[in-house]
Protein backbone atom coordinates (compact mmCIF):
# COMPACT_ATOMS: atom_id res chain seq x y z
CA UNK A 1 -148.73 -21.08 109.04
CA UNK A 2 -151.92 -20.11 110.55
CA UNK A 3 -154.20 -22.31 111.68
CA UNK A 4 -157.52 -21.41 110.63
CA UNK A 5 -156.03 -21.04 106.74
CA UNK A 6 -153.40 -23.36 106.18
CA UNK A 7 -154.15 -26.53 108.46
CA UNK A 8 -157.97 -26.02 108.27
CA UNK A 9 -159.06 -24.20 105.61
CA UNK A 10 -160.57 -21.40 107.06
CA UNK A 11 -160.54 -17.73 107.92
CA UNK A 12 -161.42 -15.16 110.27
CA UNK A 13 -164.25 -13.34 108.95
CA UNK A 14 -162.32 -10.26 108.43
CA UNK A 15 -160.15 -11.71 106.03
CA UNK A 16 -162.84 -13.94 104.52
CA UNK A 17 -164.97 -10.15 103.86
CA UNK A 18 -161.18 -8.99 102.66
CA UNK A 19 -161.29 -11.69 100.19
CA UNK A 20 -164.48 -10.98 99.17
CA UNK A 21 -164.06 -7.74 98.47
CA UNK A 22 -160.82 -7.82 96.38
CA UNK A 23 -162.97 -10.42 94.58
CA UNK A 24 -165.65 -7.87 93.84
CA UNK A 25 -163.08 -5.02 92.91
CA UNK A 26 -161.53 -7.32 90.55
CA UNK A 27 -164.48 -7.64 89.01
CA UNK A 28 -165.07 -4.20 88.55
CA UNK A 29 -162.32 -4.04 86.95
CA UNK A 30 -162.25 -5.79 84.64
CA UNK A 31 -165.70 -5.04 83.55
CA UNK A 32 -164.39 -1.62 82.78
CA UNK A 33 -161.47 -2.71 81.12
CA UNK A 34 -163.68 -4.23 78.80
CA UNK A 35 -166.33 -1.40 78.86
CA UNK A 36 -163.33 1.06 77.61
CA UNK A 37 -163.00 -0.94 73.85
CA UNK A 38 -167.10 -1.33 74.03
CA UNK A 39 -167.15 2.71 74.30
CA UNK A 40 -164.19 2.56 71.80
CA UNK A 41 -166.23 0.56 68.90
CA UNK A 42 -169.11 2.56 69.93
CA UNK A 43 -168.03 6.02 69.09
CA UNK A 44 -166.44 5.05 66.08
CA UNK A 45 -169.75 3.21 64.46
CA UNK A 46 -172.27 5.81 66.00
CA UNK A 47 -170.31 8.77 64.94
CA UNK A 48 -168.38 8.07 62.19
CA UNK A 49 -165.21 10.73 61.48
CA UNK A 50 -164.23 12.08 58.46
CA UNK A 51 -160.72 10.32 58.42
CA UNK A 52 -162.77 6.89 58.02
CA UNK A 53 -165.35 8.55 55.59
CA UNK A 54 -168.01 9.61 57.78
CA UNK A 55 -169.05 5.75 57.68
CA UNK A 56 -169.19 2.66 59.44
CA UNK A 57 -167.52 0.49 58.58
CA UNK A 58 -165.35 2.34 56.83
CA UNK A 59 -164.83 2.49 53.04
CA UNK A 60 -162.71 -0.80 52.18
CA UNK A 61 -163.68 -2.26 55.02
CA UNK A 62 -165.21 -5.90 54.68
CA UNK A 63 -166.85 -7.21 58.55
CA UNK A 64 -166.83 -10.26 59.36
CA UNK A 65 -170.83 -12.24 58.55
CA UNK A 66 -172.02 -11.97 62.41
CA UNK A 67 -173.60 -14.94 61.68
CA UNK A 68 -170.49 -17.11 60.98
CA UNK A 69 -167.54 -17.66 63.92
CA UNK A 70 -168.28 -15.17 66.08
CA UNK A 71 -171.62 -16.37 66.49
CA UNK A 72 -170.14 -19.91 67.43
CA UNK A 73 -167.93 -17.97 69.42
CA UNK A 74 -170.42 -16.54 71.69
CA UNK A 75 -172.05 -19.90 71.74
CA UNK A 76 -168.77 -21.49 72.68
CA UNK A 77 -168.56 -18.85 75.39
CA UNK A 78 -172.15 -19.47 76.98
CA UNK A 79 -171.48 -23.34 77.13
CA UNK A 80 -168.22 -22.92 78.46
CA UNK A 81 -170.35 -20.77 80.97
CA UNK A 82 -172.87 -23.51 81.63
CA UNK A 83 -170.36 -25.82 82.53
CA UNK A 84 -168.43 -24.42 84.85
CA UNK A 85 -171.52 -23.67 86.67
CA UNK A 86 -172.37 -27.34 86.41
CA UNK A 87 -169.35 -28.10 87.92
CA UNK A 88 -169.08 -25.39 90.49
CA UNK A 89 -172.60 -26.63 91.59
CA UNK A 90 -171.51 -30.35 91.34
CA UNK A 91 -168.95 -29.98 93.53
CA UNK A 92 -170.21 -28.14 96.38
CA UNK A 93 -172.64 -30.85 96.82
CA UNK A 94 -169.71 -33.02 96.90
CA UNK A 95 -170.12 -35.27 93.26
CA UNK A 96 -166.59 -34.36 92.73
CA UNK A 97 -166.73 -36.86 89.00
CA UNK A 98 -169.54 -34.36 88.12
CA UNK A 99 -167.70 -31.56 88.49
CA UNK A 100 -164.16 -33.01 86.89
CA UNK A 101 -166.07 -33.78 84.24
CA UNK A 102 -167.39 -29.88 83.78
CA UNK A 103 -164.03 -28.24 83.90
CA UNK A 104 -162.71 -30.75 81.52
CA UNK A 105 -165.56 -29.71 78.96
CA UNK A 106 -164.68 -26.29 80.15
CA UNK A 107 -161.32 -26.25 78.96
CA UNK A 108 -162.10 -28.33 75.81
CA UNK A 109 -164.25 -25.21 74.69
CA UNK A 110 -161.81 -22.65 75.76
CA UNK A 111 -159.43 -24.12 73.43
CA UNK A 112 -161.91 -24.41 71.04
CA UNK A 113 -162.46 -20.95 71.43
CA UNK A 114 -158.98 -20.00 71.18
CA UNK A 115 -158.65 -22.24 67.95
CA UNK A 116 -161.69 -20.41 66.82
CA UNK A 117 -160.08 -16.64 67.41
CA UNK A 118 -157.16 -17.67 66.12
CA UNK A 119 -158.67 -19.26 62.64
CA UNK A 120 -160.93 -15.89 63.03
CA UNK A 121 -157.71 -14.04 63.09
CA UNK A 122 -155.61 -15.61 59.90
CA UNK A 123 -159.16 -14.91 57.52
CA UNK A 124 -159.69 -11.73 58.50
CA UNK A 125 -160.04 -9.19 55.35
CA UNK A 126 -158.57 -6.51 57.13
CA UNK A 127 -155.66 -5.97 60.02
CA UNK A 128 -154.82 -4.13 63.17
CA UNK A 129 -153.76 -1.72 60.75
CA UNK A 130 -156.68 -0.46 59.12
CA UNK A 131 -157.27 2.15 60.80
CA UNK A 132 -160.32 2.73 63.71
CA UNK A 133 -161.93 -0.68 62.77
CA UNK A 134 -158.88 -2.51 62.79
CA UNK A 135 -157.56 -1.39 65.87
CA UNK A 136 -160.66 -1.44 67.67
CA UNK A 137 -161.19 -5.39 66.46
CA UNK A 138 -158.14 -6.76 66.88
CA UNK A 139 -157.69 -4.79 70.51
CA UNK A 140 -160.75 -5.27 71.84
CA UNK A 141 -161.05 -9.71 70.70
CA UNK A 142 -157.20 -10.41 71.06
CA UNK A 143 -157.23 -8.76 75.43
CA UNK A 144 -160.96 -10.85 75.24
CA UNK A 145 -158.95 -13.69 74.16
CA UNK A 146 -155.90 -13.84 76.23
CA UNK A 147 -158.62 -13.26 79.26
CA UNK A 148 -159.78 -16.74 77.85
CA UNK A 149 -156.77 -18.15 77.84
CA UNK A 150 -156.00 -17.20 81.38
CA UNK A 151 -159.00 -18.17 82.70
CA UNK A 152 -158.72 -21.42 81.43
CA UNK A 153 -155.15 -22.03 83.11
CA UNK A 154 -156.77 -21.02 86.29
CA UNK A 155 -160.04 -23.85 85.98
CA UNK A 156 -156.94 -26.12 84.87
CA UNK A 157 -155.19 -25.69 87.99
CA UNK A 158 -158.82 -26.27 89.68
CA UNK A 159 -159.37 -29.50 87.38
CA UNK A 160 -156.36 -30.88 88.77
CA UNK A 161 -156.74 -30.07 92.41
CA UNK A 162 -160.12 -31.16 92.48
CA UNK A 163 -158.77 -35.00 90.98
């Protein structure tokens, strides 16, 4: 085991640069992954073709009220982002109790988001088989939900390591 990474928790400058580039590339790949779903949705929305009846949403599809669960989930994600930022800064300042509380609240909000998304899926008046609308909705929100679950799991690991 190397001293700089294992015993002291330090890395050489070259390793630090490599880790920073790795994280940046990971974030860019995540952004591009979700841009594809937005692109598919906006392409279908702005230029609905004959197969969907030339209108968006397609005839027979009744979308969610955007001021209901979707707005609540957005607010939940914004709150969780604020809490994890609070936890990060508190931990950097050596306030581990505040950091622990921030991470715990972030995990609770992540679970709350996931439950709300599950309820939204059960109450959806359309299915994934309902053409391009159903596919883009369920693929984009499904991958986002998995992303939140994985992020909550990582934060849970950080919570245990902080304790």
